[in-house]
Every structure is written in structure tokens, then in C-alpha cells.
Amino acid sequence: MPDDAYADDLAALYDPSTPPLRVDARQTLIPLRPRSSAYDLCADVLAALDRAEPGSYPPPAENEVHPLDAPALTAALKRFSEEPGPLGSETVVVRIGHPSGARRVILGITLHRSGNPSGGEFVRAIDGTDLYETRARYTAETTRLAQLIDALEDGVMLTDGNYRLWLLNTALVDLGHLQDLCPLKRGTDIHHVERGLAQLLRDPADPRVRSADEITERRAATSERLSLADGRTVRRTYVPLYSGDVYIGNLWLFRDITEQLQALEVLHERNRGLAELADERARFTAAVSHDLRTPLTTISSFCELLISDEETPLTEEQRLYVGVVAKSAGRMRRIIDDLLMITRLEARAVVLDRAEVDVPELCATTVAELTPMAAAAQVELRCDAGAGPPISADRYRLRQVLDNLLGNAIKYTPAGGEASLSCLYDESAHLWSLTVTDTGIGIPEDQQAGLFDQFRRASNAGGIQGSGLGLSVARGLVERHGGTVALSSTEGAGTTVTVTLPLAPVELDKD
């Protein structure tokens, strides 16, 4: 910081209009001894200050008066002695003590001569150490922040409350092609900066009115998009600046969002393409499913007729063959139903028929009806149903979820194993937890995360029939109820699937 700027600050401390900072600064007024040297004068000042605050101002060694400041004070003393009449000299800044030492004092010294013959000559001195060091720290911090702001990729313009420039960073100069206006000094009126920016606009309206409105209204973080004549798009944001509750200035940020908007448009275009593909797939699935359902219905009907025909009964071998056909048709129908359900879930077209559902009763009924299937597979099936309030849910869809999960547990558990369904109500969270556990083949750890995706099956399930759709359907139906599905498994030891369902209905049908 230039000494003359610091001297102006010190001189301002004597101005009656100066803020109360001058009251807190240590100062003294002493007689000027005849023929005092610069060192003598500094020693007298420190002695006077030390009398007011003992121990704070020990006398200096002569070599501790800064060598760059002693000549200036010597010259001031010489001019003062040579000029007659009432006189007040300029303020001289004197540093005492080595900067790296423990003791350092910065004095502002002014010489005065009274117009009264008996008034004599005297010295007014002020200890400006705290002020100087605070100012130095402020300057260093301001410089550091200015360098940081100048390194930003966003354009930044800072002004005071009177629309005078504080800072304009390089990014804004480059963005607005303002090189011809540079260098811009602090305190410059920024209207011509805005006029330079306005020339870049596709609609070259002067943005100064808008800025004036912003300053007047001080609306925090207001933003607008500016379309430039060269095709770029810039987002301009205004933020009023405050120190506590005191309004001190304005900040404008300018960001070139052209590439961002172009990427967003590409993303939207891709999303539109994906949406069209999804619609086409949904229509294709619905059409194919309808076309497959019709012959499957015919096949199933004729199988039932053949099996139930008492006039021309089938042989045992024929009955076996027809039974295989009927089971295959039933399996194909379930796959078609799952495909249609997935399509409807993706389109959010599944409307839940909500009613009060007794969760323990639903679990017990499901286990009872699947017990014959478990017995045929030589798997022990158990139910552990805790008490709790009913939930608002679609009973048919929840039963579909439990059938899928329990069916998998039975199907992937070897003979002699166990499968169970338990339900527990968490009163604090208002949630039902339904847990399906088995002692089956388990799932490799690296395949568990994607097992709920469509057509995804574990690599160790190759010898067991399945479409890879059941878990995907189960998760979709649970999420339509506002619930969650979680899976944990150990290969060779078994799998646990936990479903959580909220007690109160969750409005997802409008999504």
C-alpha cells in the first residue's frame, strides 16, 4: 500500500467527521523539543504513549527506526524549522522495530506551530499499528479474492451501491469482447460496460434499465437468459451484496450456457426417441400378447375337454401328454400376463383397487394355498404372521407379489429345504415388513443388484424353469403401493426378500 494512501488514512483520523475509529486509536500531543532529531522525536512520542499505557512502548534503539522512514521525518523537521509562522506539517509515517521482531509500532506524526506567540511548537502522534496491519490484512485478502474471482470461468462484475465498478474479471471481458474498454479502473461508471454487452445481444435493448430496476428492488438471485447475436446463450444472475444488514453493492454473474443447452437438447431428443421406442414396444407387446392369448385359450380349452371327456376317455399315456400341453399353455399365459403387467407398470397404467387389507390374513391364506406346491417339491413351508392394523392396498396385486416371491422360494429350494413368509408391523414407522426366506441355492453376490431387472436370472438357476420377469413385476407392484423391495442372499445358503409397505396410501397413480 502506498505511503501517501496510508498517510491520508491517518490524517483522516483527526477529521471531526471521521467515524468513531479514531476514538479507539492511541494518540498523544507533546511539545517539540528544540533541535530534535528523528530518533529523539520518536523516543519522546513512545515515552508519552508509554506513560498512558505503561510497558507497551519501551524506548527504541536508534537502529530500530525504519531506515526508509527516518529520512522523511528528518526532512519534515528541517522544513518545519525553516518555515516561520503558524504551520501544520503533512503526516509522516514512521515504522519502529524490525518487522520480524516481537515489537513493531507504526506512528503517524504531524508537526504543529501555534499562531499564538506563547503557544510554541508541538507534535501530534497516533499509533496506527492496528489500523495499518488491519488494512494490510484487508488488502491481502481483497487481492487474494480478486485473484480467485479473476480465475473463475464465469463472468463476474462487482459494483458499489452507486453503480461504480469494483471488479470486472477476465472471463467477462472475454465473454463480452470488452478488451477495447480495458483497463477499467475501480470506481468507473459501468453504464458503458453494459452498453458494450448490449451490442452482443440478438435483441440489442439496453440492459441498463433492467439493472437499475434490480438495484432499486434488490431482488436476491434473479436470473435471466440472454440470447446473443452469434448464437450463444448467457445466463445473467444478479445478487445484492450486504454486510450484515447494510447494503454495500451488487454482483452480476454471466455464464455461457450454450453447450449446456445443446447437451440438454440432445438429451431431450434422445428421451423423445426412447419414449417413442417404449410406446412402440408397448403396442407390440400388447398386440403380440393378444395374438398369443387367443390360441393359448383354444389350446387350454381343448385340453380340458380331452381330459374331462367321459365318453372317449384318454389312456394314461395320453392323459400325461395332454397334461404337459396344458401346463405349458398355462406357463405361457403367465409369461404373457407378466409381459403385459411390466408394460403397464412402465406406462404407469396400473390403477390400484385399494381397500382395507388384513396383512396377517393375506399371508396365512397365501401360504395355505401354496402348501400343496411346496409339498410336491418336498419343501417345508411356514408362516409367521404378527398382529397389526390393516393397510389400504390392492389385495389382488399384493397376492400377486407374494405368489411370485414364495413361488420362487419354493422353486429354487432343493427337496428337504425350507421356505417361510413372515410379516411384522413397525408401529414407530407405520410400516409392514413382509419377509420371504428360503434355504435354496442362493444368488451370486455380483448378480444380486440386477436381479430385479427384466429377463434377469441368476447364473446358477439354469436348470430351473423361469422367465426372469417375476421379481421385476413384484418390485413394480410394491413400488406402486409406495413400498420397497430388498434382497440379500448367500450362494448355496439361501435368499431373503423383504417387502415394506406403508400403512397409509401413497398417491402414485397420478405420476
Protein backbone atom coordinates (compact mmCIF):
# COMPACT_ATOMS: atom_id res chain seq x y z
CA MET A 1 0.00 0.00 0.00
CA PRO A 2 1.49 3.41 -0.94
CA ASP A 3 2.58 5.52 2.00
CA ASP A 4 0.60 8.52 0.78
CA ALA A 5 -2.61 6.46 0.84
CA TYR A 6 -1.83 5.35 4.37
CA ALA A 7 -1.00 8.92 5.34
CA ASP A 8 -4.39 10.03 4.05
CA ASP A 9 -6.00 7.43 6.30
CA LEU A 10 -4.01 8.66 9.29
CA ALA A 11 -4.83 12.29 8.58
CA ALA A 12 -8.50 11.41 8.29
CA LEU A 13 -8.43 10.20 11.90
CA TYR A 14 -8.22 13.85 13.01
CA ASP A 15 -11.21 14.89 10.96
CA PRO A 16 -14.20 15.52 13.26
CA SER A 17 -16.39 13.82 10.68
CA THR A 18 -14.33 10.63 10.83
CA PRO A 19 -16.22 7.61 12.21
CA PRO A 20 -15.51 6.58 15.84
CA LEU A 21 -12.44 4.53 14.85
CA ARG A 22 -10.25 7.48 15.87
CA VAL A 23 -11.52 7.32 19.48
CA ASP A 24 -10.03 3.82 19.89
CA ALA A 25 -6.61 4.72 18.40
CA ARG A 26 -3.86 5.53 20.90
CA GLN A 27 -2.60 9.09 20.38
CA THR A 28 -0.66 11.80 22.17
CA LEU A 29 0.16 15.52 21.95
CA ILE A 30 3.61 16.59 23.25
CA PRO A 31 5.89 19.66 23.00
CA LEU A 32 8.51 19.56 20.27
CA ARG A 33 11.97 19.85 21.82
CA PRO A 34 14.33 22.25 20.01
CA ARG A 35 16.76 20.65 17.58
CA SER A 36 15.18 17.20 17.98
CA SER A 37 16.41 14.51 15.63
CA ALA A 38 14.09 11.98 14.05
CA TYR A 39 15.17 9.40 16.63
CA ASP A 40 14.74 11.88 19.55
CA LEU A 41 11.23 12.73 18.35
CA CYS A 42 10.23 9.05 18.06
CA ALA A 43 11.65 8.31 21.52
CA ASP A 44 9.68 11.24 23.05
CA VAL A 45 6.45 10.06 21.37
CA LEU A 46 6.88 6.48 22.58
CA ALA A 47 7.68 7.70 26.10
CA ALA A 48 4.47 9.75 26.15
CA LEU A 49 2.41 6.80 24.86
CA ASP A 50 4.05 4.52 27.43
CA ARG A 51 3.05 6.84 30.26
CA ALA A 52 -0.58 6.36 29.26
CA GLU A 53 -0.15 2.58 28.87
CA PRO A 54 2.94 1.54 30.88
CA GLY A 55 5.05 -1.27 29.44
CA SER A 56 3.53 -1.11 25.98
CA TYR A 57 6.03 1.29 24.41
CA PRO A 58 9.61 0.61 25.56
CA PRO A 59 12.19 3.10 24.25
CA PRO A 60 13.59 2.13 20.85
CA ALA A 61 17.17 1.63 19.85
CA GLU A 62 18.29 4.16 17.28
CA ASN A 63 18.69 1.48 14.60
CA GLU A 64 15.07 0.33 15.12
CA VAL A 65 13.65 3.40 13.39
CA HIS A 66 12.99 2.16 9.87
CA PRO A 67 15.79 3.40 7.57
CA LEU A 68 13.30 4.34 4.86
CA ASP A 69 11.19 6.43 7.25
CA ALA A 70 13.86 8.30 9.26
CA PRO A 71 14.95 10.49 6.30
CA ALA A 72 11.35 11.53 5.63
CA LEU A 73 10.87 12.57 9.26
CA THR A 74 14.24 14.37 9.27
CA ALA A 75 13.24 16.29 6.15
CA ALA A 76 9.88 17.20 7.71
CA LEU A 77 11.66 18.54 10.82
CA LYS A 78 14.01 20.60 8.66
CA ARG A 79 11.19 22.15 6.62
CA PHE A 80 9.24 22.84 9.80
CA SER A 81 12.15 24.69 11.41
CA GLU A 82 12.79 26.78 8.28
CA GLU A 83 9.20 27.95 7.71
CA PRO A 84 8.04 30.74 10.05
CA GLY A 85 4.53 31.41 11.31
CA PRO A 86 1.64 29.10 12.19
CA LEU A 87 2.17 25.78 10.50
CA GLY A 88 0.88 22.20 10.36
CA SER A 89 3.04 19.73 8.52
CA GLU A 90 1.97 16.74 6.49
CA THR A 91 1.60 13.44 8.32
CA VAL A 92 4.74 11.32 8.23
CA VAL A 93 4.50 7.55 8.71
CA VAL A 94 7.31 6.08 10.80
CA ARG A 95 7.84 2.36 11.45
CA ILE A 96 9.73 1.44 14.60
CA GLY A 97 11.07 -2.04 15.27
CA HIS A 98 12.15 -4.74 12.84
CA PRO A 99 9.15 -6.31 11.02
CA SER A 100 10.26 -9.78 12.11
CA GLY A 101 10.72 -8.78 15.74
CA ALA A 102 8.25 -9.08 18.58
CA ARG A 103 7.86 -5.29 18.88
CA ARG A 104 6.66 -3.18 15.97
CA VAL A 105 4.98 0.22 16.15
CA ILE A 106 3.72 2.34 13.27
CA LEU A 107 3.33 6.05 14.10
CA GLY A 108 1.64 8.84 12.23
CA ILE A 109 3.45 12.06 13.22
CA THR A 110 2.33 15.63 12.47
CA LEU A 111 4.26 18.80 13.48
CA HIS A 112 2.34 21.92 14.52
CA ARG A 113 3.22 25.55 15.40
CA SER A 114 0.66 27.72 17.14
CA GLY A 115 -0.15 31.24 15.88
CA ASN A 116 -0.04 32.41 19.49
CA PRO A 117 3.49 33.60 20.43
CA SER A 118 3.23 31.72 23.70
CA GLY A 119 1.78 28.61 22.06
CA GLY A 120 5.03 27.04 20.97
CA GLU A 121 5.64 24.01 18.79
CA PHE A 122 4.23 20.56 19.43
CA VAL A 123 3.91 17.08 17.98
CA ARG A 124 0.65 15.21 17.40
CA ALA A 125 1.21 11.46 17.08
CA ILE A 126 -1.08 8.48 16.69
CA ASP A 127 -0.29 4.79 16.99
CA GLY A 128 -1.55 3.43 13.68
CA THR A 129 -0.18 -0.09 14.15
CA ASP A 130 -3.55 -1.84 14.41
CA LEU A 131 -5.05 0.25 11.63
CA TYR A 132 -2.10 -0.36 9.33
CA GLU A 133 -1.95 -4.10 9.97
CA THR A 134 -5.72 -4.46 9.62
CA ARG A 135 -5.56 -2.51 6.40
CA ALA A 136 -2.68 -4.70 5.19
CA ARG A 137 -4.62 -7.88 6.00
CA TYR A 138 -7.70 -6.47 4.28
CA THR A 139 -5.64 -5.56 1.21
CA ALA A 140 -4.04 -9.00 1.09
CA GLU A 141 -7.42 -10.73 1.46
CA THR A 142 -9.01 -8.47 -1.12
CA THR A 143 -6.17 -9.21 -3.54
CA ARG A 144 -6.50 -12.93 -2.94
CA LEU A 145 -10.26 -12.88 -3.51
CA ALA A 146 -9.83 -10.73 -6.61
CA GLN A 147 -7.36 -13.27 -8.00
CA LEU A 148 -9.77 -16.12 -7.24
CA ILE A 149 -12.64 -14.29 -8.92
CA ASP A 150 -10.47 -13.47 -11.92
CA ALA A 151 -9.67 -17.18 -12.28
CA LEU A 152 -13.36 -18.15 -12.46
CA GLU A 153 -14.77 -19.38 -15.75
CA ASP A 154 -17.96 -17.37 -15.11
CA GLY A 155 -18.00 -13.68 -15.89
CA VAL A 156 -18.20 -11.55 -12.73
CA MET A 157 -18.93 -7.85 -12.27
CA LEU A 158 -18.96 -6.20 -8.83
CA THR A 159 -20.11 -2.65 -8.19
CA ASP A 160 -20.84 -0.49 -5.19
CA GLY A 161 -24.32 0.77 -4.45
CA ASN A 162 -23.77 3.80 -6.69
CA TYR A 163 -23.16 1.67 -9.77
CA ARG A 164 -19.40 2.25 -9.74
CA LEU A 165 -17.10 -0.60 -10.67
CA TRP A 166 -15.29 -2.64 -8.06
CA LEU A 167 -14.18 -5.57 -10.15
CA LEU A 168 -14.59 -6.95 -13.66
CA ASN A 169 -12.91 -10.32 -14.22
CA THR A 170 -11.14 -11.63 -17.31
CA ALA A 171 -13.88 -14.15 -18.11
CA LEU A 172 -16.45 -11.35 -18.54
CA VAL A 173 -14.03 -9.32 -20.67
CA ASP A 174 -13.58 -12.34 -22.95
CA LEU A 175 -17.27 -13.26 -22.93
CA GLY A 176 -18.38 -9.76 -23.83
CA HIS A 177 -15.44 -8.87 -26.10
CA LEU A 178 -14.73 -5.87 -23.85
CA GLN A 179 -10.98 -5.69 -24.48
CA ASP A 180 -11.33 -2.24 -26.06
CA LEU A 181 -12.69 -0.87 -22.77
CA CYS A 182 -9.81 -2.20 -20.67
CA PRO A 183 -8.17 -1.42 -18.40
CA LEU A 184 -11.16 -0.40 -16.28
CA LYS A 185 -10.26 1.36 -13.05
CA ARG A 186 -12.10 0.86 -9.80
CA GLY A 187 -14.82 3.48 -9.43
CA THR A 188 -15.58 3.61 -13.16
CA ASP A 189 -19.23 4.10 -14.12
CA ILE A 190 -20.28 0.78 -15.64
CA HIS A 191 -23.00 2.06 -17.99
CA HIS A 192 -20.62 1.92 -20.93
CA VAL A 193 -19.73 -1.67 -19.93
CA GLU A 194 -23.40 -2.60 -20.18
CA ARG A 195 -23.70 -0.81 -23.48
CA GLY A 196 -20.79 -2.92 -24.74
CA LEU A 197 -22.58 -6.06 -23.57
CA ALA A 198 -25.86 -4.89 -25.11
CA GLN A 199 -24.27 -4.73 -28.55
CA LEU A 200 -23.80 -8.51 -28.41
CA LEU A 201 -27.49 -9.22 -27.84
CA ARG A 202 -29.72 -10.63 -30.53
CA ASP A 203 -32.25 -8.01 -29.39
CA PRO A 204 -29.93 -5.06 -28.65
CA ALA A 205 -32.06 -3.46 -25.94
CA ASP A 206 -30.04 -1.57 -23.38
CA PRO A 207 -29.98 -3.76 -20.22
CA ARG A 208 -29.17 -0.74 -18.07
CA VAL A 209 -32.83 -0.18 -17.16
CA ARG A 210 -33.14 -3.75 -16.01
CA SER A 211 -30.00 -3.39 -13.90
CA ALA A 212 -31.26 -0.15 -12.39
CA ASP A 213 -34.52 -1.88 -11.50
CA GLU A 214 -32.58 -4.71 -9.89
CA ILE A 215 -30.51 -2.31 -7.82
CA THR A 216 -33.62 -0.41 -6.76
CA GLU A 217 -35.59 -3.51 -5.82
CA ARG A 218 -32.56 -5.54 -4.64
CA ARG A 219 -34.17 -8.82 -5.60
CA ALA A 220 -31.88 -11.61 -4.50
CA ALA A 221 -30.56 -14.08 -7.08
CA THR A 222 -32.72 -13.03 -10.02
CA SER A 223 -31.73 -14.68 -13.31
CA GLU A 224 -32.47 -14.26 -16.98
CA ARG A 225 -31.24 -15.75 -20.22
CA LEU A 226 -29.66 -13.50 -22.80
CA SER A 227 -29.60 -14.62 -26.43
CA LEU A 228 -26.53 -13.27 -28.21
CA ALA A 229 -26.36 -12.38 -31.88
CA ASP A 230 -23.65 -15.00 -32.50
CA GLY A 231 -25.96 -17.80 -31.33
CA ARG A 232 -24.65 -18.15 -27.80
CA THR A 233 -26.90 -18.10 -24.73
CA VAL A 234 -25.76 -16.48 -21.50
CA ARG A 235 -27.41 -16.75 -18.10
CA ARG A 236 -27.20 -13.48 -16.20
CA THR A 237 -27.73 -13.54 -12.41
CA TYR A 238 -27.96 -10.58 -10.05
CA VAL A 239 -27.24 -10.73 -6.31
CA PRO A 240 -27.36 -7.70 -3.97
CA LEU A 241 -24.44 -7.59 -1.53
CA TYR A 242 -24.84 -6.91 2.18
CA SER A 243 -22.51 -6.58 5.12
CA GLY A 244 -24.84 -7.69 7.87
CA ASP A 245 -27.96 -5.65 7.21
CA VAL A 246 -26.11 -2.87 5.39
CA TYR A 247 -26.43 -2.81 1.59
CA ILE A 248 -22.95 -2.33 0.10
CA GLY A 249 -23.09 -3.23 -3.58
CA ASN A 250 -24.09 -5.51 -6.42
CA LEU A 251 -22.88 -8.70 -8.03
CA TRP A 252 -23.66 -9.91 -11.55
CA LEU A 253 -22.68 -13.35 -12.82
CA PHE A 254 -22.59 -14.20 -16.51
CA ARG A 255 -22.35 -17.85 -17.56
CA ASP A 256 -22.18 -19.13 -21.13
CA ILE A 257 -24.72 -21.98 -21.09
CA THR A 258 -24.70 -22.63 -24.84
CA GLU A 259 -23.06 -26.06 -24.60
CA GLN A 260 -25.24 -26.95 -21.62
CA LEU A 261 -28.41 -26.13 -23.56
CA GLN A 262 -27.16 -28.00 -26.60
CA ALA A 263 -26.43 -31.07 -24.48
CA LEU A 264 -29.85 -30.73 -22.87
CA GLU A 265 -31.50 -30.59 -26.28
CA VAL A 266 -29.61 -33.72 -27.36
CA LEU A 267 -30.76 -35.41 -24.16
CA HIS A 268 -34.37 -34.35 -24.76
CA GLU A 269 -34.16 -35.65 -28.32
CA ARG A 270 -32.84 -38.96 -27.10
CA ASN A 271 -35.55 -39.13 -24.46
CA ARG A 272 -38.17 -38.47 -27.11
CA GLY A 273 -36.70 -41.26 -29.20
CA LEU A 274 -36.68 -43.61 -26.21
CA ALA A 275 -40.27 -42.67 -25.38
CA GLU A 276 -41.30 -43.45 -28.94
CA LEU A 277 -39.49 -46.79 -28.77
CA ALA A 278 -41.16 -47.56 -25.45
CA ASP A 279 -44.57 -46.76 -26.94
CA GLU A 280 -43.84 -48.94 -29.95
CA ARG A 281 -42.69 -51.76 -27.68
CA ALA A 282 -45.81 -51.42 -25.54
CA ARG A 283 -48.03 -51.56 -28.61
CA PHE A 284 -46.06 -54.51 -29.98
CA THR A 285 -46.24 -56.36 -26.65
CA ALA A 286 -49.97 -55.75 -26.37
CA ALA A 287 -50.58 -56.90 -29.95
CA VAL A 288 -48.39 -59.99 -29.65
CA SER A 289 -49.85 -60.86 -26.26
CA HIS A 290 -53.37 -60.60 -27.67
CA ASP A 291 -52.41 -62.73 -30.66
CA LEU A 292 -50.82 -65.34 -28.39
CA ARG A 293 -53.64 -65.37 -25.86
CA THR A 294 -56.23 -66.42 -28.43
CA PRO A 295 -54.56 -69.69 -29.49
CA LEU A 296 -53.50 -70.40 -25.90
CA THR A 297 -57.10 -70.10 -24.78
CA THR A 298 -58.09 -72.52 -27.52
CA ILE A 299 -55.31 -74.96 -26.55
CA SER A 300 -56.24 -74.82 -22.87
CA SER A 301 -59.93 -75.29 -23.62
CA PHE A 302 -59.33 -78.34 -25.79
CA CYS A 303 -57.00 -79.82 -23.19
CA GLU A 304 -59.75 -79.52 -20.59
CA LEU A 305 -62.26 -81.12 -22.99
CA LEU A 306 -59.93 -84.03 -23.72
CA ILE A 307 -59.21 -84.66 -20.06
CA SER A 308 -62.88 -84.41 -18.99
CA ASP A 309 -64.37 -86.41 -21.92
CA GLU A 310 -66.01 -89.40 -20.28
CA GLU A 311 -67.39 -90.87 -23.49
CA THR A 312 -63.94 -91.30 -25.00
CA PRO A 313 -61.60 -91.45 -22.04
CA LEU A 314 -57.88 -90.96 -22.57
CA THR A 315 -55.30 -93.57 -21.80
CA GLU A 316 -52.86 -92.80 -19.01
CA GLU A 317 -50.14 -92.01 -21.54
CA GLN A 318 -52.47 -89.70 -23.49
CA ARG A 319 -53.58 -88.01 -20.26
CA LEU A 320 -49.93 -87.41 -19.38
CA TYR A 321 -49.22 -85.82 -22.77
CA VAL A 322 -52.30 -83.60 -22.61
CA GLY A 323 -51.35 -82.56 -19.09
CA VAL A 324 -47.92 -81.46 -20.29
CA VAL A 325 -49.54 -79.39 -23.04
CA ALA A 326 -51.96 -77.81 -20.55
CA LYS A 327 -49.15 -76.94 -18.11
CA SER A 328 -47.04 -75.43 -20.90
CA ALA A 329 -50.01 -73.36 -22.07
CA GLY A 330 -50.58 -72.18 -18.50
CA ARG A 331 -46.90 -71.24 -18.14
CA MET A 332 -47.01 -69.34 -21.43
CA ARG A 333 -50.13 -67.49 -20.26
CA ARG A 334 -48.35 -66.42 -17.05
CA ILE A 335 -45.38 -65.14 -19.07
CA ILE A 336 -47.75 -63.16 -21.29
CA ASP A 337 -49.52 -61.77 -18.22
CA ASP A 338 -46.15 -60.72 -16.75
CA LEU A 339 -45.14 -59.03 -20.00
CA LEU A 340 -48.39 -57.10 -20.09
CA MET A 341 -48.02 -56.14 -16.42
CA ILE A 342 -44.47 -54.84 -16.96
CA THR A 343 -45.66 -52.80 -19.93
CA ARG A 344 -48.47 -51.31 -17.85
CA LEU A 345 -46.15 -50.62 -14.92
CA GLU A 346 -43.68 -48.78 -17.15
CA ALA A 347 -46.54 -46.73 -18.59
CA ARG A 348 -47.89 -46.10 -15.05
CA ALA A 349 -51.16 -47.52 -16.26
CA VAL A 350 -51.72 -49.86 -13.31
CA VAL A 351 -54.58 -48.45 -11.24
CA LEU A 352 -54.74 -49.92 -7.76
CA ASP A 353 -58.13 -51.05 -6.47
CA ARG A 354 -57.49 -50.03 -2.88
CA ALA A 355 -59.38 -51.43 0.07
CA GLU A 356 -58.57 -52.42 3.64
CA VAL A 357 -56.31 -55.47 3.59
CA ASP A 358 -55.64 -57.65 6.63
CA VAL A 359 -51.94 -58.37 6.12
CA PRO A 360 -51.60 -61.35 8.53
CA GLU A 361 -54.70 -62.98 6.99
CA LEU A 362 -53.35 -62.40 3.46
CA CYS A 363 -50.02 -64.01 4.39
CA ALA A 364 -51.69 -67.01 6.04
CA THR A 365 -54.01 -67.54 3.06
CA THR A 366 -51.13 -67.33 0.57
CA VAL A 367 -49.06 -69.89 2.49
CA ALA A 368 -52.04 -72.23 2.84
CA GLU A 369 -52.80 -72.16 -0.88
CA LEU A 370 -49.16 -72.69 -1.87
CA THR A 371 -48.60 -75.53 0.60
CA PRO A 372 -49.55 -78.23 -1.95
CA MET A 373 -46.97 -76.81 -4.38
CA ALA A 374 -44.35 -76.85 -1.61
CA ALA A 375 -45.29 -80.39 -0.59
CA ALA A 376 -44.91 -81.58 -4.18
CA ALA A 377 -41.40 -80.07 -4.18
CA GLN A 378 -40.69 -81.61 -0.74
CA VAL A 379 -40.13 -78.14 0.74
CA GLU A 380 -41.44 -77.24 4.19
CA LEU A 381 -43.48 -74.02 4.02
CA ARG A 382 -44.13 -71.98 7.18
CA CYS A 383 -45.93 -68.74 8.05
CA ASP A 384 -45.19 -66.40 10.95
CA ALA A 385 -47.77 -63.61 10.97
CA GLY A 386 -47.65 -60.87 13.61
CA ALA A 387 -50.55 -58.63 14.57
CA GLY A 388 -51.10 -55.16 13.20
CA PRO A 389 -53.58 -52.76 11.62
CA PRO A 390 -54.97 -53.20 8.10
CA ILE A 391 -53.45 -51.29 5.20
CA SER A 392 -55.02 -49.53 2.25
CA ALA A 393 -53.88 -51.63 -0.71
CA ASP A 394 -54.91 -53.67 -3.72
CA ARG A 395 -55.33 -57.17 -2.29
CA TYR A 396 -55.14 -58.89 -5.69
CA ARG A 397 -51.86 -57.16 -6.57
CA LEU A 398 -50.30 -57.88 -3.18
CA ARG A 399 -51.28 -61.52 -3.54
CA GLN A 400 -49.59 -61.48 -6.95
CA VAL A 401 -46.40 -60.19 -5.28
CA LEU A 402 -46.46 -62.88 -2.58
CA ASP A 403 -47.20 -65.62 -5.12
CA ASN A 404 -44.16 -64.56 -7.15
CA LEU A 405 -41.81 -64.35 -4.16
CA LEU A 406 -43.00 -67.52 -2.43
CA GLY A 407 -43.17 -69.37 -5.74
CA ASN A 408 -39.51 -68.51 -6.36
CA ALA A 409 -38.58 -69.57 -2.82
CA ILE A 410 -40.19 -72.98 -3.34
CA LYS A 411 -38.88 -73.39 -6.88
CA TYR A 412 -35.25 -72.61 -6.04
CA THR A 413 -35.11 -74.62 -2.79
CA PRO A 414 -33.95 -78.24 -3.12
CA ALA A 415 -36.01 -81.08 -1.65
CA GLY A 416 -35.74 -81.18 2.13
CA GLY A 417 -35.27 -77.41 2.41
CA GLU A 418 -37.45 -74.74 3.99
CA ALA A 419 -39.26 -71.60 2.89
CA SER A 420 -41.15 -69.14 5.08
CA LEU A 421 -43.23 -65.98 4.97
CA SER A 422 -43.31 -63.65 7.97
CA CYS A 423 -44.99 -60.29 8.47
CA LEU A 424 -44.24 -57.76 11.19
CA TYR A 425 -45.71 -54.30 11.83
CA ASP A 426 -43.37 -51.45 12.81
CA GLU A 427 -45.52 -49.12 14.89
CA SER A 428 -42.97 -46.29 15.00
CA ALA A 429 -42.51 -46.21 11.21
CA HIS A 430 -46.11 -47.18 10.37
CA LEU A 431 -44.79 -49.87 8.03
CA TRP A 432 -45.49 -53.54 7.42
CA SER A 433 -42.46 -55.72 6.67
CA LEU A 434 -43.13 -58.93 4.75
CA THR A 435 -40.13 -61.26 4.57
CA VAL A 436 -39.76 -64.32 2.36
CA THR A 437 -36.84 -66.57 3.34
CA ASP A 438 -35.61 -69.83 1.86
CA THR A 439 -32.73 -72.25 2.23
CA GLY A 440 -32.31 -72.59 -1.51
CA ILE A 441 -29.45 -72.30 -3.97
CA GLY A 442 -28.87 -68.61 -3.27
CA ILE A 443 -27.65 -65.95 -5.70
CA PRO A 444 -24.05 -65.00 -6.57
CA GLU A 445 -23.19 -61.69 -4.90
CA ASP A 446 -22.20 -59.92 -8.11
CA GLN A 447 -25.60 -60.71 -9.67
CA GLN A 448 -27.91 -59.64 -6.83
CA ALA A 449 -28.12 -55.93 -7.71
CA GLY A 450 -29.57 -56.54 -11.18
CA LEU A 451 -31.86 -59.43 -10.33
CA PHE A 452 -34.97 -57.23 -10.33
CA ASP A 453 -34.33 -56.18 -13.93
CA GLN A 454 -36.44 -57.74 -16.67
CA PHE A 455 -35.37 -61.14 -18.02
CA ARG A 456 -32.52 -61.30 -15.50
CA ARG A 457 -31.85 -64.69 -13.89
CA ALA A 458 -29.02 -65.92 -11.69
CA SER A 459 -26.32 -67.89 -13.47
CA ASN A 460 -26.79 -70.87 -11.13
CA ALA A 461 -30.52 -71.20 -11.97
CA GLY A 462 -30.04 -72.57 -15.47
CA GLY A 463 -31.70 -75.92 -14.81
CA ILE A 464 -34.86 -74.40 -13.32
CA GLN A 465 -37.68 -73.03 -15.45
CA GLY A 466 -38.30 -69.29 -15.23
CA SER A 467 -38.80 -66.22 -17.39
CA GLY A 468 -36.86 -63.67 -15.35
CA LEU A 469 -39.96 -61.46 -15.07
CA GLY A 470 -41.46 -62.34 -11.68
CA LEU A 471 -39.18 -60.22 -9.49
CA SER A 472 -39.47 -57.26 -11.86
CA VAL A 473 -43.28 -57.46 -11.67
CA ALA A 474 -43.15 -57.83 -7.87
CA ARG A 475 -40.95 -54.77 -7.44
CA GLY A 476 -43.12 -52.67 -9.77
CA LEU A 477 -46.32 -53.56 -7.89
CA VAL A 478 -44.73 -52.91 -4.49
CA GLU A 479 -43.43 -49.52 -5.63
CA ARG A 480 -46.91 -48.65 -6.93
CA HIS A 481 -48.04 -49.10 -3.32
CA GLY A 482 -45.27 -46.74 -2.15
CA GLY A 483 -43.22 -49.60 -0.73
CA THR A 484 -39.74 -51.02 -1.25
CA VAL A 485 -38.19 -54.40 -2.03
CA ALA A 486 -34.77 -55.50 -0.78
CA LEU A 487 -32.87 -58.72 -1.41
CA SER A 488 -30.00 -60.40 0.39
CA SER A 489 -28.57 -63.78 -0.45
CA THR A 490 -25.68 -66.14 0.13
CA GLU A 491 -24.87 -68.52 -2.67
CA GLY A 492 -25.53 -72.09 -1.55
CA ALA A 493 -27.27 -70.99 1.68
CA GLY A 494 -30.48 -69.22 0.68
CA THR A 495 -32.17 -65.93 -0.08
CA THR A 496 -34.21 -63.36 1.86
CA VAL A 497 -36.51 -60.85 0.17
CA THR A 498 -38.05 -58.11 2.33
CA VAL A 499 -41.04 -56.04 1.24
CA THR A 500 -42.03 -52.90 3.17
CA LEU A 501 -45.48 -51.39 2.74
CA PRO A 502 -46.73 -48.09 4.21
CA LEU A 503 -49.84 -48.15 6.33
CA ALA A 504 -51.33 -45.06 4.67
CA PRO A 505 -51.91 -44.93 0.91
CA VAL A 506 -49.28 -43.22 -1.21
CA GLU A 507 -50.58 -41.16 -4.14
CA LEU A 508 -48.63 -42.52 -7.09
CA ASP A 509 -51.44 -43.12 -9.53
CA LYS A 510 -51.20 -39.56 -10.87
CA ASP A 511 -47.49 -39.78 -11.72
